[in-house]
Amino acid sequence: MSEHHPPEPSSTYTYAVGAGLGILVGGAVGLFAGDDLFLPAALLGAGIGIVVAFLVKAFLR
């Protein structure tokens, strides 16, 4: 019997999920950090989320 493996999600989807989670976490940290830090923290979180998504995808292959 052959095993059925579900298709792998596209790279765009993986990076979008990483960026979205990064924006959520970075935005939450920015809200609690102080005045005018929401946007920089959210953008930094998005960048970190994309990098983490890339590393996870690379190590899971």
Protein backbone atom coordinates (compact mmCIF):
# COMPACT_ATOMS: atom_id res chain seq x y z
CA MET A 1 0.00 0.00 0.00
CA SER A 2 1.21 3.47 -0.73
CA GLU A 3 0.82 6.21 1.77
CA HIS A 4 -1.01 9.34 0.79
CA HIS A 5 0.79 12.56 1.70
CA PRO A 6 -1.13 15.82 1.59
CA PRO A 7 0.35 18.42 -0.75
CA GLU A 8 2.73 20.93 0.76
CA PRO A 9 1.37 24.50 1.07
CA SER A 10 2.90 27.02 -1.30
CA SER A 11 5.76 29.21 -0.15
CA THR A 12 3.60 32.31 -0.42
CA TYR A 13 1.09 30.86 2.04
CA THR A 14 3.83 29.82 4.46
CA TYR A 15 5.45 33.27 4.45
CA ALA A 16 2.09 35.02 4.76
CA VAL A 17 1.25 32.97 7.85
CA GLY A 18 4.68 33.72 9.33
CA ALA A 19 4.28 37.45 8.65
CA GLY A 20 0.75 37.49 10.06
CA LEU A 21 1.77 35.79 13.27
CA GLY A 22 4.74 38.13 13.53
CA ILE A 23 2.49 41.16 13.14
CA LEU A 24 0.18 39.87 15.87
CA VAL A 25 2.99 39.20 18.33
CA GLY A 26 4.95 42.34 17.45
CA GLY A 27 1.82 44.49 17.61
CA ALA A 28 0.92 43.12 21.02
CA VAL A 29 4.43 43.79 22.31
CA GLY A 30 4.32 47.29 20.79
CA LEU A 31 1.02 48.08 22.49
CA PHE A 32 2.41 47.22 25.90
CA ALA A 33 5.87 48.73 25.30
CA GLY A 34 4.80 52.34 25.15
CA ASP A 35 3.84 55.29 23.03
CA ASP A 36 4.26 55.15 19.25
CA LEU A 37 5.88 51.70 19.22
CA PHE A 38 3.02 49.72 17.70
CA LEU A 39 3.98 50.14 14.03
CA PRO A 40 7.74 49.58 14.40
CA ALA A 41 7.16 46.53 16.58
CA ALA A 42 4.57 45.11 14.16
CA LEU A 43 6.92 45.61 11.18
CA LEU A 44 9.82 44.05 13.05
CA GLY A 45 7.57 41.14 14.03
CA ALA A 46 6.55 40.65 10.39
CA GLY A 47 10.18 40.52 9.33
CA ILE A 48 11.07 38.06 12.06
CA GLY A 49 8.01 35.96 11.19
CA ILE A 50 9.09 35.68 7.54
CA VAL A 51 12.61 34.65 8.55
CA VAL A 52 11.28 32.06 10.99
CA ALA A 53 8.90 30.69 8.33
CA PHE A 54 11.84 30.36 5.93
CA LEU A 55 13.96 28.55 8.51
CA VAL A 56 11.14 26.20 9.51
CA LYS A 57 10.45 25.35 5.86
CA ALA A 58 14.16 24.74 5.25
CA PHE A 59 14.61 22.46 8.28
CA LEU A 60 11.44 20.43 7.68
CA ARG A 61 12.53 19.26 4.24
